[in-house]
PDB file of N, CA and C in Angstrom:
ATOM      1  N   MET A   1     -41.139  46.512  17.404  1.00  0.00           N
ATOM      2  CA  MET A   1     -41.490  45.112  17.636  1.00  0.00           C
ATOM      3  C   MET A   1     -40.246  44.243  17.425  1.00  0.00           C
ATOM      4  N   ASP A   2     -40.163  43.197  18.182  1.00  0.00           N
ATOM      5  CA  ASP A   2     -39.015  42.309  18.118  1.00  0.00           C
ATOM      6  C   ASP A   2     -39.315  41.120  17.207  1.00  0.00           C
ATOM      7  N   LEU A   3     -38.336  40.274  17.063  1.00  0.00           N
ATOM      8  CA  LEU A   3     -38.462  39.079  16.240  1.00  0.00           C
ATOM      9  C   LEU A   3     -38.401  37.862  17.142  1.00  0.00           C
ATOM     10  N   SER A   4     -39.349  36.940  16.960  1.00  0.00           N
ATOM     11  CA  SER A   4     -39.293  35.687  17.722  1.00  0.00           C
ATOM     12  C   SER A   4     -38.976  34.560  16.750  1.00  0.00           C
ATOM     13  N   LEU A   5     -38.118  33.652  17.200  1.00  0.00           N
ATOM     14  CA  LEU A   5     -37.707  32.514  16.381  1.00  0.00           C
ATOM     15  C   LEU A   5     -37.775  31.246  17.202  1.00  0.00           C
ATOM     16  N   SER A   6     -38.275  30.189  16.600  1.00  0.00           N
ATOM     17  CA  SER A   6     -38.205  28.872  17.225  1.00  0.00           C
ATOM     18  C   SER A   6     -38.092  27.840  16.106  1.00  0.00           C
ATOM     19  N   THR A   7     -37.465  26.719  16.427  1.00  0.00           N
ATOM     20  CA  THR A   7     -37.302  25.679  15.412  1.00  0.00           C
ATOM     21  C   THR A   7     -37.841  24.357  15.930  1.00  0.00           C
ATOM     22  N   ARG A   8     -38.280  23.539  14.989  1.00  0.00           N
ATOM     23  CA  ARG A   8     -38.726  22.194  15.318  1.00  0.00           C
ATOM     24  C   ARG A   8     -38.556  21.331  14.080  1.00  0.00           C
ATOM     25  N   SER A   9     -38.452  20.042  14.304  1.00  0.00           N
ATOM     26  CA  SER A   9     -38.318  19.105  13.197  1.00  0.00           C
ATOM     27  C   SER A   9     -39.656  18.482  12.873  1.00  0.00           C
ATOM     28  N   VAL A  10     -39.922  18.356  11.583  1.00  0.00           N
ATOM     29  CA  VAL A  10     -41.101  17.651  11.101  1.00  0.00           C
ATOM     30  C   VAL A  10     -40.601  16.719  10.006  1.00  0.00           C
ATOM     31  N   GLY A  11     -40.460  15.457  10.352  1.00  0.00           N
ATOM     32  CA  GLY A  11     -39.867  14.504   9.410  1.00  0.00           C
ATOM     33  C   GLY A  11     -38.426  14.882   9.153  1.00  0.00           C
ATOM     34  N   ASP A  12     -38.071  14.980   7.878  1.00  0.00           N
ATOM     35  CA  ASP A  12     -36.695  15.360   7.534  1.00  0.00           C
ATOM     36  C   ASP A  12     -36.554  16.860   7.296  1.00  0.00           C
ATOM     37  N   ARG A  13     -37.563  17.619   7.635  1.00  0.00           N
ATOM     38  CA  ARG A  13     -37.566  19.078   7.468  1.00  0.00           C
ATOM     39  C   ARG A  13     -37.363  19.773   8.810  1.00  0.00           C
ATOM     40  N   THR A  14     -36.770  20.946   8.749  1.00  0.00           N
ATOM     41  CA  THR A  14     -36.649  21.784   9.940  1.00  0.00           C
ATOM     42  C   THR A  14     -37.512  23.015   9.720  1.00  0.00           C
ATOM     43  N   VAL A  15     -38.458  23.221  10.628  1.00  0.00           N
ATOM     44  CA  VAL A  15     -39.365  24.361  10.521  1.00  0.00           C
ATOM     45  C   VAL A  15     -38.845  25.477  11.415  1.00  0.00           C
ATOM     46  N   VAL A  16     -38.680  26.659  10.822  1.00  0.00           N
ATOM     47  CA  VAL A  16     -38.288  27.850  11.571  1.00  0.00           C
ATOM     48  C   VAL A  16     -39.532  28.729  11.658  1.00  0.00           C
ATOM     49  N   GLU A  17     -40.082  28.838  12.863  1.00  0.00           N
ATOM     50  CA  GLU A  17     -41.261  29.676  13.062  1.00  0.00           C
ATOM     51  C   GLU A  17     -40.795  31.091  13.385  1.00  0.00           C
ATOM     52  N   VAL A  18     -41.265  32.031  12.580  1.00  0.00           N
ATOM     53  CA  VAL A  18     -40.847  33.418  12.722  1.00  0.00           C
ATOM     54  C   VAL A  18     -42.060  34.256  13.091  1.00  0.00           C
ATOM     55  N   GLY A  19     -41.888  35.140  14.065  1.00  0.00           N
ATOM     56  CA  GLY A  19     -42.961  36.038  14.462  1.00  0.00           C
ATOM     57  C   GLY A  19     -42.438  37.450  14.638  1.00  0.00           C
ATOM     58  N   GLY A  20     -43.302  38.421  14.384  1.00  0.00           N
ATOM     59  CA  GLY A  20     -42.913  39.820  14.561  1.00  0.00           C
ATOM     60  C   GLY A  20     -42.524  40.463  13.248  1.00  0.00           C
ATOM     61  N   GLU A  21     -41.494  41.298  13.320  1.00  0.00           N
ATOM     62  CA  GLU A  21     -41.058  42.049  12.148  1.00  0.00           C
ATOM     63  C   GLU A  21     -39.685  41.595  11.688  1.00  0.00           C
ATOM     64  N   ILE A  22     -39.555  41.393  10.374  1.00  0.00           N
ATOM     65  CA  ILE A  22     -38.247  41.079   9.795  1.00  0.00           C
ATOM     66  C   ILE A  22     -37.813  42.337   9.052  1.00  0.00           C
ATOM     67  N   ASP A  23     -36.968  43.119   9.707  1.00  0.00           N
ATOM     68  CA  ASP A  23     -36.514  44.372   9.115  1.00  0.00           C
ATOM     69  C   ASP A  23     -35.023  44.541   9.318  1.00  0.00           C
ATOM     70  N   VAL A  24     -34.522  45.718   9.008  1.00  0.00           N
ATOM     71  CA  VAL A  24     -33.082  45.975   9.066  1.00  0.00           C
ATOM     72  C   VAL A  24     -32.502  45.705  10.459  1.00  0.00           C
ATOM     73  N   TYR A  25     -33.319  45.846  11.490  1.00  0.00           N
ATOM     74  CA  TYR A  25     -32.843  45.644  12.860  1.00  0.00           C
ATOM     75  C   TYR A  25     -32.884  44.186  13.295  1.00  0.00           C
ATOM     76  N   THR A  26     -33.891  43.444  12.844  1.00  0.00           N
ATOM     77  CA  THR A  26     -34.081  42.077  13.322  1.00  0.00           C
ATOM     78  C   THR A  26     -33.591  41.008  12.344  1.00  0.00           C
ATOM     79  N   ALA A  27     -33.408  41.372  11.077  1.00  0.00           N
ATOM     80  CA  ALA A  27     -33.008  40.396  10.060  1.00  0.00           C
ATOM     81  C   ALA A  27     -31.706  39.663  10.408  1.00  0.00           C
ATOM     82  N   PRO A  28     -30.708  40.338  11.018  1.00  0.00           N
ATOM     83  CA  PRO A  28     -29.481  39.602  11.358  1.00  0.00           C
ATOM     84  C   PRO A  28     -29.725  38.406  12.286  1.00  0.00           C
ATOM     85  N   LYS A  29     -30.734  38.509  13.149  1.00  0.00           N
ATOM     86  CA  LYS A  29     -31.076  37.407  14.043  1.00  0.00           C
ATOM     87  C   LYS A  29     -31.570  36.202  13.240  1.00  0.00           C
ATOM     88  N   LEU A  30     -32.401  36.461  12.234  1.00  0.00           N
ATOM     89  CA  LEU A  30     -32.895  35.386  11.366  1.00  0.00           C
ATOM     90  C   LEU A  30     -31.740  34.810  10.549  1.00  0.00           C
ATOM     91  N   ARG A  31     -30.867  35.677  10.037  1.00  0.00           N
ATOM     92  CA  ARG A  31     -29.708  35.208   9.258  1.00  0.00           C
ATOM     93  C   ARG A  31     -28.861  34.261  10.100  1.00  0.00           C
ATOM     94  N   GLU A  32     -28.568  34.650  11.338  1.00  0.00           N
ATOM     95  CA  GLU A  32     -27.770  33.802  12.235  1.00  0.00           C
ATOM     96  C   GLU A  32     -28.414  32.440  12.429  1.00  0.00           C
ATOM     97  N   GLN A  33     -29.739  32.431  12.609  1.00  0.00           N
ATOM     98  CA  GLN A  33     -30.461  31.178  12.816  1.00  0.00           C
ATOM     99  C   GLN A  33     -30.340  30.273  11.593  1.00  0.00           C
ATOM    100  N   LEU A  34     -30.522  30.842  10.399  1.00  0.00           N
ATOM    101  CA  LEU A  34     -30.444  30.048   9.166  1.00  0.00           C
ATOM    102  C   LEU A  34     -29.030  29.515   8.944  1.00  0.00           C
ATOM    103  N   VAL A  35     -28.017  30.353   9.170  1.00  0.00           N
ATOM    104  CA  VAL A  35     -26.619  29.929   9.009  1.00  0.00           C
ATOM    105  C   VAL A  35     -26.303  28.799   9.983  1.00  0.00           C
ATOM    106  N   GLU A  36     -26.740  28.956  11.232  1.00  0.00           N
ATOM    107  CA  GLU A  36     -26.490  27.939  12.259  1.00  0.00           C
ATOM    108  C   GLU A  36     -27.125  26.602  11.868  1.00  0.00           C
ATOM    109  N   LEU A  37     -28.366  26.640  11.383  1.00  0.00           N
ATOM    110  CA  LEU A  37     -29.050  25.404  10.991  1.00  0.00           C
ATOM    111  C   LEU A  37     -28.320  24.708   9.845  1.00  0.00           C
ATOM    112  N   VAL A  38     -27.902  25.466   8.833  1.00  0.00           N
ATOM    113  CA  VAL A  38     -27.184  24.877   7.702  1.00  0.00           C
ATOM    114  C   VAL A  38     -25.845  24.306   8.177  1.00  0.00           C
ATOM    115  N   ASN A  39     -25.158  25.040   9.040  1.00  0.00           N
ATOM    116  CA  ASN A  39     -23.874  24.559   9.565  1.00  0.00           C
ATOM    117  C   ASN A  39     -24.039  23.264  10.360  1.00  0.00           C
ATOM    118  N   GLU A  40     -25.228  23.065  10.958  1.00  0.00           N
ATOM    119  CA  GLU A  40     -25.508  21.849  11.728  1.00  0.00           C
ATOM    120  C   GLU A  40     -26.004  20.709  10.836  1.00  0.00           C
ATOM    121  N   GLY A  41     -26.134  20.973   9.523  1.00  0.00           N
ATOM    122  CA  GLY A  41     -26.541  19.917   8.607  1.00  0.00           C
ATOM    123  C   GLY A  41     -28.018  19.874   8.275  1.00  0.00           C
ATOM    124  N   HIS A  42     -28.752  20.930   8.615  1.00  0.00           N
ATOM    125  CA  HIS A  42     -30.180  21.003   8.266  1.00  0.00           C
ATOM    126  C   HIS A  42     -30.292  21.713   6.917  1.00  0.00           C
ATOM    127  N   TYR A  43     -30.545  20.928   5.851  1.00  0.00           N
ATOM    128  CA  TYR A  43     -30.545  21.492   4.507  1.00  0.00           C
ATOM    129  C   TYR A  43     -31.937  21.613   3.892  1.00  0.00           C
ATOM    130  N   HIS A  44     -32.955  21.121   4.592  1.00  0.00           N
ATOM    131  CA  HIS A  44     -34.331  21.236   4.096  1.00  0.00           C
ATOM    132  C   HIS A  44     -35.121  22.048   5.117  1.00  0.00           C
ATOM    133  N   LEU A  45     -35.228  23.345   4.819  1.00  0.00           N
ATOM    134  CA  LEU A  45     -35.832  24.276   5.772  1.00  0.00           C
ATOM    135  C   LEU A  45     -37.197  24.747   5.291  1.00  0.00           C
ATOM    136  N   ILE A  46     -38.068  24.969   6.262  1.00  0.00           N
ATOM    137  CA  ILE A  46     -39.361  25.593   6.019  1.00  0.00           C
ATOM    138  C   ILE A  46     -39.416  26.808   6.941  1.00  0.00           C
ATOM    139  N   VAL A  47     -39.551  27.984   6.360  1.00  0.00           N
ATOM    140  CA  VAL A  47     -39.667  29.198   7.163  1.00  0.00           C
ATOM    141  C   VAL A  47     -41.150  29.534   7.263  1.00  0.00           C
ATOM    142  N   ASP A  48     -41.694  29.362   8.465  1.00  0.00           N
ATOM    143  CA  ASP A  48     -43.110  29.616   8.728  1.00  0.00           C
ATOM    144  C   ASP A  48     -43.267  31.089   9.085  1.00  0.00           C
ATOM    145  N   MET A  49     -43.836  31.852   8.155  1.00  0.00           N
ATOM    146  CA  MET A  49     -43.970  33.300   8.324  1.00  0.00           C
ATOM    147  C   MET A  49     -45.391  33.718   8.673  1.00  0.00           C
ATOM    148  N   GLU A  50     -46.194  32.797   9.179  1.00  0.00           N
ATOM    149  CA  GLU A  50     -47.581  33.133   9.502  1.00  0.00           C
ATOM    150  C   GLU A  50     -47.671  34.203  10.582  1.00  0.00           C
ATOM    151  N   GLY A  51     -46.663  34.274  11.454  1.00  0.00           N
ATOM    152  CA  GLY A  51     -46.678  35.256  12.537  1.00  0.00           C
ATOM    153  C   GLY A  51     -45.918  36.529  12.225  1.00  0.00           C
ATOM    154  N   VAL A  52     -45.513  36.703  10.959  1.00  0.00           N
ATOM    155  CA  VAL A  52     -44.744  37.888  10.574  1.00  0.00           C
ATOM    156  C   VAL A  52     -45.694  39.048  10.280  1.00  0.00           C
ATOM    157  N   ASP A  53     -45.441  40.189  10.931  1.00  0.00           N
ATOM    158  CA  ASP A  53     -46.275  41.374  10.746  1.00  0.00           C
ATOM    159  C   ASP A  53     -45.725  42.320   9.681  1.00  0.00           C
ATOM    160  N   PHE A  54     -44.395  42.245   9.474  1.00  0.00           N
ATOM    161  CA  PHE A  54     -43.746  43.190   8.566  1.00  0.00           C
ATOM    162  C   PHE A  54     -42.500  42.551   7.975  1.00  0.00           C
ATOM    163  N   LEU A  55     -42.249  42.819   6.706  1.00  0.00           N
ATOM    164  CA  LEU A  55     -41.069  42.286   6.017  1.00  0.00           C
ATOM    165  C   LEU A  55     -40.530  43.375   5.106  1.00  0.00           C
ATOM    166  N   ASP A  56     -39.226  43.694   5.239  1.00  0.00           N
ATOM    167  CA  ASP A  56     -38.630  44.683   4.341  1.00  0.00           C
ATOM    168  C   ASP A  56     -37.573  44.032   3.462  1.00  0.00           C
ATOM    169  N   SER A  57     -36.873  44.856   2.675  1.00  0.00           N
ATOM    170  CA  SER A  57     -35.903  44.331   1.708  1.00  0.00           C
ATOM    171  C   SER A  57     -34.748  43.606   2.393  1.00  0.00           C
ATOM    172  N   THR A  58     -34.388  44.029   3.593  1.00  0.00           N
ATOM    173  CA  THR A  58     -33.322  43.342   4.325  1.00  0.00           C
ATOM    174  C   THR A  58     -33.761  41.920   4.648  1.00  0.00           C
ATOM    175  N   GLY A  59     -35.005  41.769   5.072  1.00  0.00           N
ATOM    176  CA  GLY A  59     -35.552  40.446   5.358  1.00  0.00           C
ATOM    177  C   GLY A  59     -35.588  39.575   4.118  1.00  0.00           C
ATOM    178  N   LEU A  60     -35.971  40.159   2.981  1.00  0.00           N
ATOM    179  CA  LEU A  60     -35.973  39.407   1.725  1.00  0.00           C
ATOM    180  C   LEU A  60     -34.565  38.932   1.397  1.00  0.00           C
ATOM    181  N   GLY A  61     -33.590  39.802   1.626  1.00  0.00           N
ATOM    182  CA  GLY A  61     -32.194  39.443   1.359  1.00  0.00           C
ATOM    183  C   GLY A  61     -31.734  38.276   2.210  1.00  0.00           C
ATOM    184  N   VAL A  62     -32.156  38.253   3.463  1.00  0.00           N
ATOM    185  CA  VAL A  62     -31.794  37.149   4.358  1.00  0.00           C
ATOM    186  C   VAL A  62     -32.398  35.840   3.851  1.00  0.00           C
ATOM    187  N   LEU A  63     -33.646  35.887   3.403  1.00  0.00           N
ATOM    188  CA  LEU A  63     -34.296  34.678   2.885  1.00  0.00           C
ATOM    189  C   LEU A  63     -33.607  34.183   1.618  1.00  0.00           C
ATOM    190  N   VAL A  64     -33.243  35.096   0.729  1.00  0.00           N
ATOM    191  CA  VAL A  64     -32.532  34.709  -0.499  1.00  0.00           C
ATOM    192  C   VAL A  64     -31.167  34.113  -0.132  1.00  0.00           C
ATOM    193  N   GLY A  65     -30.477  34.726   0.834  1.00  0.00           N
ATOM    194  CA  GLY A  65     -29.188  34.189   1.290  1.00  0.00           C
ATOM    195  C   GLY A  65     -29.336  32.793   1.873  1.00  0.00           C
ATOM    196  N   GLY A  66     -30.406  32.578   2.634  1.00  0.00           N
ATOM    197  CA  GLY A  66     -30.677  31.254   3.199  1.00  0.00           C
ATOM    198  C   GLY A  66     -30.927  30.235   2.106  1.00  0.00           C
ATOM    199  N   LEU A  67     -31.651  30.644   1.064  1.00  0.00           N
ATOM    200  CA  LEU A  67     -31.922  29.750  -0.064  1.00  0.00           C
ATOM    201  C   LEU A  67     -30.616  29.352  -0.753  1.00  0.00           C
ATOM    202  N   LYS A  68     -29.733  30.317  -0.965  1.00  0.00           N
ATOM    203  CA  LYS A  68     -28.441  30.018  -1.597  1.00  0.00           C
ATOM    204  C   LYS A  68     -27.631  29.046  -0.744  1.00  0.00           C
ATOM    205  N   ARG A  69     -27.678  29.221   0.575  1.00  0.00           N
ATOM    206  CA  ARG A  69     -26.926  28.334   1.478  1.00  0.00           C
ATOM    207  C   ARG A  69     -27.415  26.891   1.389  1.00  0.00           C
ATOM    208  N   VAL A  70     -28.728  26.690   1.452  1.00  0.00           N
ATOM    209  CA  VAL A  70     -29.237  25.310   1.411  1.00  0.00           C
ATOM    210  C   VAL A  70     -29.064  24.695   0.032  1.00  0.00           C
ATOM    211  N   ARG A  71     -29.179  25.491  -1.001  1.00  0.00           N
ATOM    212  CA  ARG A  71     -29.001  24.958  -2.364  1.00  0.00           C
ATOM    213  C   ARG A  71     -27.571  24.497  -2.585  1.00  0.00           C
ATOM    214  N   ALA A  72     -26.615  25.116  -1.910  1.00  0.00           N
ATOM    215  CA  ALA A  72     -25.212  24.692  -2.022  1.00  0.00           C
ATOM    216  C   ALA A  72     -25.024  23.275  -1.493  1.00  0.00           C
ATOM    217  N   HIS A  73     -25.995  22.795  -0.713  1.00  0.00           N
ATOM    218  CA  HIS A  73     -25.963  21.441  -0.143  1.00  0.00           C
ATOM    219  C   HIS A  73     -27.090  20.581  -0.716  1.00  0.00           C
ATOM    220  N   GLU A  74     -27.576  20.952  -1.916  1.00  0.00           N
ATOM    221  CA  GLU A  74     -28.690  20.231  -2.548  1.00  0.00           C
ATOM    222  C   GLU A  74     -29.950  20.266  -1.681  1.00  0.00           C
ATOM    223  N   GLY A  75     -30.111  21.321  -0.899  1.00  0.00           N
ATOM    224  CA  GLY A  75     -31.254  21.442   0.001  1.00  0.00           C
ATOM    225  C   GLY A  75     -32.376  22.279  -0.586  1.00  0.00           C
ATOM    226  N   SER A  76     -33.325  22.626   0.289  1.00  0.00           N
ATOM    227  CA  SER A  76     -34.476  23.417  -0.135  1.00  0.00           C
ATOM    228  C   SER A  76     -34.890  24.373   0.978  1.00  0.00           C
ATOM    229  N   LEU A  77     -35.510  25.462   0.581  1.00  0.00           N
ATOM    230  CA  LEU A  77     -36.069  26.411   1.540  1.00  0.00           C
ATOM    231  C   LEU A  77     -37.453  26.779   1.037  1.00  0.00           C
ATOM    232  N   ARG A  78     -38.455  26.396   1.801  1.00  0.00           N
ATOM    233  CA  ARG A  78     -39.846  26.679   1.457  1.00  0.00           C
ATOM    234  C   ARG A  78     -40.399  27.687   2.446  1.00  0.00           C
ATOM    235  N   LEU A  79     -41.310  28.509   1.984  1.00  0.00           N
ATOM    236  CA  LEU A  79     -41.927  29.509   2.853  1.00  0.00           C
ATOM    237  C   LEU A  79     -43.383  29.148   3.104  1.00  0.00           C
ATOM    238  N   VAL A  80     -43.844  29.448   4.312  1.00  0.00           N
ATOM    239  CA  VAL A  80     -45.258  29.326   4.639  1.00  0.00           C
ATOM    240  C   VAL A  80     -45.754  30.729   4.916  1.00  0.00           C
ATOM    241  N   CYS A  81     -46.691  31.175   4.101  1.00  0.00           N
ATOM    242  CA  CYS A  81     -47.222  32.526   4.260  1.00  0.00           C
ATOM    243  C   CYS A  81     -48.618  32.565   3.678  1.00  0.00           C
ATOM    244  N   ASN A  82     -49.554  33.088   4.444  1.00  0.00           N
ATOM    245  CA  ASN A  82     -50.916  33.226   3.927  1.00  0.00           C
ATOM    246  C   ASN A  82     -51.465  34.629   4.152  1.00  0.00           C
ATOM    247  N   GLN A  83     -50.575  35.556   4.471  1.00  0.00           N
ATOM    248  CA  GLN A  83     -50.997  36.946   4.680  1.00  0.00           C
ATOM    249  C   GLN A  83     -50.814  37.725   3.385  1.00  0.00           C
ATOM    250  N   GLU A  84     -51.874  38.300   2.905  1.00  0.00           N
ATOM    251  CA  GLU A  84     -51.852  38.978   1.609  1.00  0.00           C
ATOM    252  C   GLU A  84     -50.804  40.091   1.557  1.00  0.00           C
ATOM    253  N   ARG A  85     -50.658  40.862   2.637  1.00  0.00           N
ATOM    254  CA  ARG A  85     -49.713  41.991   2.580  1.00  0.00           C
ATOM    255  C   ARG A  85     -48.263  41.516   2.465  1.00  0.00           C
ATOM    256  N   ILE A  86     -47.957  40.346   3.002  1.00  0.00           N
ATOM    257  CA  ILE A  86     -46.597  39.793   2.876  1.00  0.00           C
ATOM    258  C   ILE A  86     -46.439  39.115   1.513  1.00  0.00           C
ATOM    259  N   LEU A  87     -47.461  38.378   1.091  1.00  0.00           N
ATOM    260  CA  LEU A  87     -47.416  37.722  -0.218  1.00  0.00           C
ATOM    261  C   LEU A  87     -47.244  38.750  -1.347  1.00  0.00           C
ATOM    262  N   LYS A  88     -47.851  39.920  -1.181  1.00  0.00           N
ATOM    263  CA  LYS A  88     -47.753  40.975  -2.184  1.00  0.00           C
ATOM    264  C   LYS A  88     -46.294  41.391  -2.393  1.00  0.00           C
ATOM    265  N   ILE A  89     -45.515  41.429  -1.333  1.00  0.00           N
ATOM    266  CA  ILE A  89     -44.096  41.792  -1.430  1.00  0.00           C
ATOM    267  C   ILE A  89     -43.357  40.772  -2.294  1.00  0.00           C
ATOM    268  N   PHE A  90     -43.657  39.494  -2.093  1.00  0.00           N
ATOM    269  CA  PHE A  90     -43.012  38.448  -2.903  1.00  0.00           C
ATOM    270  C   PHE A  90     -43.434  38.545  -4.371  1.00  0.00           C
ATOM    271  N   ARG A  91     -44.703  38.883  -4.622  1.00  0.00           N
ATOM    272  CA  ARG A  91     -45.171  39.021  -6.002  1.00  0.00           C
ATOM    273  C   ARG A  91     -44.512  40.221  -6.692  1.00  0.00           C
ATOM    274  N   ILE A  92     -44.484  41.366  -5.996  1.00  0.00           N
ATOM    275  CA  ILE A  92     -43.923  42.588  -6.573  1.00  0.00           C
ATOM    276  C   ILE A  92     -42.453  42.406  -6.927  1.00  0.00           C
ATOM    277  N   THR A  93     -41.719  41.704  -6.070  1.00  0.00           N
ATOM    278  CA  THR A  93     -40.274  41.525  -6.282  1.00  0.00           C
ATOM    279  C   THR A  93     -39.962  40.353  -7.207  1.00  0.00           C
ATOM    280  N   GLY A  94     -40.970  39.596  -7.599  1.00  0.00           N
ATOM    281  CA  GLY A  94     -40.740  38.444  -8.471  1.00  0.00           C
ATOM    282  C   GLY A  94     -40.225  37.221  -7.734  1.00  0.00           C
ATOM    283  N   LEU A  95     -40.186  37.281  -6.410  1.00  0.00           N
ATOM    284  CA  LEU A  95     -39.631  36.166  -5.635  1.00  0.00           C
ATOM    285  C   LEU A  95     -40.581  34.980  -5.521  1.00  0.00           C
ATOM    286  N   THR A  96     -41.815  35.131  -6.004  1.00  0.00           N
ATOM    287  CA  THR A  96     -42.715  33.972  -6.037  1.00  0.00           C
ATOM    288  C   THR A  96     -42.196  32.938  -7.031  1.00  0.00           C
ATOM    289  N   LYS A  97     -41.339  33.372  -7.957  1.00  0.00           N
ATOM    290  CA  LYS A  97     -40.733  32.451  -8.927  1.00  0.00           C
ATOM    291  C   LYS A  97     -39.504  31.760  -8.334  1.00  0.00           C
ATOM    292  N   VAL A  98     -38.998  32.295  -7.233  1.00  0.00           N
ATOM    293  CA  VAL A  98     -37.773  31.787  -6.612  1.00  0.00           C
ATOM    294  C   VAL A  98     -38.096  30.857  -5.440  1.00  0.00           C
ATOM    295  N   PHE A  99     -39.067  31.259  -4.642  1.00  0.00           N
ATOM    296  CA  PHE A  99     -39.432  30.497  -3.442  1.00  0.00           C
ATOM    297  C   PHE A  99     -40.730  29.732  -3.648  1.00  0.00           C
ATOM    298  N   PRO A 100     -40.764  28.454  -3.253  1.00  0.00           N
ATOM    299  CA  PRO A 100     -42.058  27.774  -3.151  1.00  0.00           C
ATOM    300  C   PRO A 100     -42.774  28.344  -1.916  1.00  0.00           C
ATOM    301  N   ILE A 101     -43.971  28.891  -2.112  1.00  0.00           N
ATOM    302  CA  ILE A 101     -44.725  29.486  -1.004  1.00  0.00           C
ATOM    303  C   ILE A 101     -45.988  28.668  -0.784  1.00  0.00           C
ATOM    304  N   HIS A 102     -46.174  28.235   0.461  1.00  0.00           N
ATOM    305  CA  HIS A 102     -47.286  27.357   0.810  1.00  0.00           C
ATOM    306  C   HIS A 102     -48.202  28.028   1.829  1.00  0.00           C
ATOM    307  N   GLY A 103     -49.430  27.521   1.919  1.00  0.00           N
ATOM    308  CA  GLY A 103     -50.411  28.085   2.828  1.00  0.00           C
ATOM    309  C   GLY A 103     -50.346  27.541   4.243  1.00  0.00           C
ATOM    310  N   SER A 104     -49.649  26.413   4.436  1.00  0.00           N
ATOM    311  CA  SER A 104     -49.538  25.822   5.771  1.00  0.00           C
ATOM    312  C   SER A 104     -48.237  25.016   5.875  1.00  0.00           C
ATOM    313  N   VAL A 105     -47.824  24.757   7.089  1.00  0.00           N
ATOM    314  CA  VAL A 105     -46.621  23.948   7.313  1.00  0.00           C
ATOM    315  C   VAL A 105     -46.830  22.544   6.760  1.00  0.00           C
ATOM    316  N   ASP A 106     -48.008  21.959   7.000  1.00  0.00           N
ATOM    317  CA  ASP A 106     -48.290  20.616   6.482  1.00  0.00           C
ATOM    318  C   ASP A 106     -48.152  20.564   4.968  1.00  0.00           C
ATOM    319  N   GLU A 107     -48.682  21.570   4.307  1.00  0.00           N
ATOM    320  CA  GLU A 107     -48.597  21.633   2.854  1.00  0.00           C
ATOM    321  C   GLU A 107     -47.133  21.706   2.405  1.00  0.00           C
ATOM    322  N   ALA A 108     -46.341  22.512   3.104  1.00  0.00           N
ATOM    323  CA  ALA A 108     -44.911  22.652   2.758  1.00  0.00           C
ATOM    324  C   ALA A 108     -44.145  21.355   3.009  1.00  0.00           C
ATOM    325  N   VAL A 109     -44.460  20.676   4.105  1.00  0.00           N
ATOM    326  CA  VAL A 109     -43.783  19.414   4.444  1.00  0.00           C
ATOM    327  C   VAL A 109     -44.074  18.364   3.380  1.00  0.00           C
ATOM    328  N   ASN A 110     -45.307  18.313   2.912  1.00  0.00           N
ATOM    329  CA  ASN A 110     -45.724  17.276   1.972  1.00  0.00           C
ATOM    330  C   ASN A 110     -45.499  17.620   0.508  1.00  0.00           C
ATOM    331  N   ALA A 111     -45.063  18.837   0.230  1.00  0.00           N
ATOM    332  CA  ALA A 111     -44.859  19.260  -1.157  1.00  0.00           C
ATOM    333  C   ALA A 111     -43.660  18.555  -1.768  1.00  0.00           C
ATOM    334  N   THR A 112     -43.703  18.375  -3.066  1.00  0.00           N
ATOM    335  CA  THR A 112     -42.602  17.731  -3.773  1.00  0.00           C
ATOM    336  C   THR A 112     -41.886  18.675  -4.707  1.00  0.00           C
ATOM    337  N   ASP A 113     -42.208  19.957  -4.636  1.00  0.00           N
ATOM    338  CA  ASP A 113     -41.584  20.927  -5.542  1.00  0.00           C
ATOM    339  C   ASP A 113     -40.134  21.201  -5.193  1.00  0.00           C
TER     340      ASP A 113
END
């Protein structure tokens, strides 16, 4: 399965909609997208993972790298995920303490965390 990416602005946030699998083969595509957005001055990102079917450690690494990039600019990276099998990966790895995870894009846009 491939990875689909699209971006849109919602207020002062940039939403990256991700679909498919984020694994060792597709993660570089997501990394490029996040780096490009930060380089263009988008420091408040929301990664919408509602369409993600699979996430491995490489994908987690890309998300952590994206978080470090935006934080270097006083930015934020929030995740939207409501799939139990993906949320379980964040819980097992302890990344629920690192990433604000929301149930919807609207919730992430309006959050103050």
